[in-house]
Amino acid sequence: MKTAIIILSDPKAGEDALGRAFNALALARESRQAGDDVLIAFSGAGTRWPAEFTKPAHPAGALYQEVRDLVTGLSCGCAKVFGADTCGLPEKSCNAIPGTPGVLSLREYLADGRHVVVF
């Protein structure tokens, strides 16, 4: 199975957002263990998560480190809008939107035959 996990939840939005992000990472881990072709990308306010996950005491930090190699990048335009620290992740700007440096293209994942799961 081919899956693209997109994290949109905003870490500033509290426990529900943490639950969404944690479950996204858990799905990535489970999918990899099952032998699936899985990747993770951050978009929208979700571009703020990598900086949170790298904090030493973050409750999802260990899980993030376990699946970090599955992260293909984050939306360039969204990172700029939300003031996110990209933490060295590749910035995706394939979808040219006027007034932005470009954003992550969800259509590319669909065209690649991936199931797109949004958290």
Protein backbone atom coordinates (compact mmCIF):
# COMPACT_ATOMS: atom_id res chain seq x y z
CA MET A 1 0.00 0.00 0.00
CA LYS A 2 1.21 3.53 -0.76
CA THR A 3 0.22 6.23 1.72
CA ALA A 4 0.91 9.93 2.18
CA ILE A 5 0.26 11.22 5.68
CA ILE A 6 -0.31 14.97 5.79
CA ILE A 7 -0.19 16.78 9.13
CA LEU A 8 -2.20 20.01 9.16
CA SER A 9 -3.08 20.33 12.84
CA ASP A 10 -1.68 23.37 14.65
CA PRO A 11 0.49 22.64 17.71
CA LYS A 12 -0.88 25.85 19.23
CA ALA A 13 -4.38 24.35 19.22
CA GLY A 14 -3.96 22.15 22.30
CA GLU A 15 -4.58 18.53 23.13
CA ASP A 16 -6.73 17.69 20.12
CA ALA A 17 -3.98 18.88 17.77
CA LEU A 18 -1.39 16.83 19.66
CA GLY A 19 -3.65 13.80 19.41
CA ARG A 20 -3.96 14.24 15.66
CA ALA A 21 -0.22 14.65 15.15
CA PHE A 22 0.59 11.72 17.44
CA ASN A 23 -1.85 9.47 15.58
CA ALA A 24 -0.36 10.54 12.25
CA LEU A 25 3.10 9.49 13.44
CA ALA A 26 1.68 6.25 14.88
CA LEU A 27 0.06 5.44 11.52
CA ALA A 28 3.38 6.08 9.77
CA ARG A 29 5.16 3.72 12.16
CA GLU A 30 2.52 1.02 11.83
CA SER A 31 2.50 1.35 8.03
CA ARG A 32 6.26 1.02 7.82
CA GLN A 33 6.18 -2.05 10.08
CA ALA A 34 3.63 -3.60 7.71
CA GLY A 35 5.98 -3.01 4.78
CA ASP A 36 3.96 -0.21 3.22
CA ASP A 37 5.41 2.63 1.15
CA VAL A 38 4.60 5.55 3.45
CA LEU A 39 5.65 9.17 3.70
CA ILE A 40 4.87 12.14 5.93
CA ALA A 41 4.53 15.80 4.97
CA PHE A 42 3.58 18.92 6.91
CA SER A 43 1.29 21.62 5.57
CA GLY A 44 -0.72 24.57 6.87
CA ALA A 45 -0.16 25.31 10.54
CA GLY A 46 1.17 21.76 10.78
CA THR A 47 4.49 23.10 9.50
CA ARG A 48 5.08 24.18 13.10
CA TRP A 49 5.23 20.57 14.37
CA PRO A 50 8.84 19.64 13.49
CA ALA A 51 10.19 22.33 15.83
CA GLU A 52 7.91 21.05 18.59
CA PHE A 53 8.78 17.39 18.05
CA THR A 54 12.51 18.11 18.39
CA LYS A 55 12.13 19.57 21.89
CA PRO A 56 13.71 17.09 24.35
CA ALA A 57 10.66 16.65 26.59
CA HIS A 58 7.99 16.52 23.88
CA PRO A 59 5.66 13.53 24.45
CA ALA A 60 5.76 12.60 20.75
CA GLY A 61 9.46 13.33 20.32
CA ALA A 62 10.67 9.73 20.45
CA LEU A 63 7.99 8.59 18.00
CA TYR A 64 8.87 11.47 15.66
CA GLN A 65 12.55 10.47 15.73
CA GLU A 66 11.56 6.90 14.89
CA VAL A 67 9.70 7.95 11.72
CA ARG A 68 11.68 11.12 10.90
CA ASP A 69 13.24 9.46 7.86
CA LEU A 70 9.74 9.16 6.33
CA VAL A 71 9.27 12.95 6.31
CA THR A 72 9.58 14.18 2.74
CA GLY A 73 9.19 17.85 3.62
CA LEU A 74 6.83 20.65 4.39
CA SER A 75 4.89 23.26 2.47
CA CYS A 76 7.15 26.22 1.71
CA GLY A 77 4.35 28.78 1.47
CA CYS A 78 2.66 27.50 4.61
CA ALA A 79 5.90 27.57 6.60
CA LYS A 80 6.36 31.20 5.61
CA VAL A 81 2.77 32.17 6.47
CA PHE A 82 2.86 30.40 9.85
CA GLY A 83 6.41 31.44 10.72
CA ALA A 84 7.54 27.83 11.08
CA ASP A 85 11.11 26.73 11.68
CA THR A 86 11.68 24.22 8.88
CA CYS A 87 14.26 22.33 10.96
CA GLY A 88 16.24 21.58 7.83
CA LEU A 89 13.39 19.70 6.15
CA PRO A 90 12.95 20.10 2.38
CA GLU A 91 10.51 22.85 1.47
CA LYS A 92 7.88 21.72 -1.04
CA SER A 93 6.59 24.37 -3.45
CA CYS A 94 5.29 22.33 -6.40
CA ASN A 95 1.84 23.94 -6.37
CA ALA A 96 2.35 27.51 -7.62
CA ILE A 97 -0.21 29.69 -5.85
CA PRO A 98 -0.16 33.41 -6.69
CA GLY A 99 1.23 35.52 -3.87
CA THR A 100 3.13 32.60 -2.30
CA PRO A 101 6.46 30.91 -2.96
CA GLY A 102 4.40 27.79 -3.74
CA VAL A 103 2.83 25.16 -1.52
CA LEU A 104 2.85 21.40 -1.13
CA SER A 105 0.95 19.61 -3.90
CA LEU A 106 -1.48 17.05 -2.52
CA ARG A 107 -2.45 16.16 -6.09
CA GLU A 108 1.05 14.78 -6.70
CA TYR A 109 0.48 12.17 -4.02
CA LEU A 110 -2.87 11.21 -5.55
CA ALA A 111 -1.34 11.03 -9.03
CA ASP A 112 1.32 8.73 -7.59
CA GLY A 113 -1.44 6.33 -6.49
CA ARG A 114 -1.13 7.12 -2.79
CA HIS A 115 -3.91 7.10 -0.24
CA VAL A 116 -3.81 10.56 1.31
CA VAL A 117 -4.60 10.67 5.02
CA VAL A 118 -4.92 14.11 6.58
CA PHE A 119 -4.52 14.79 10.30
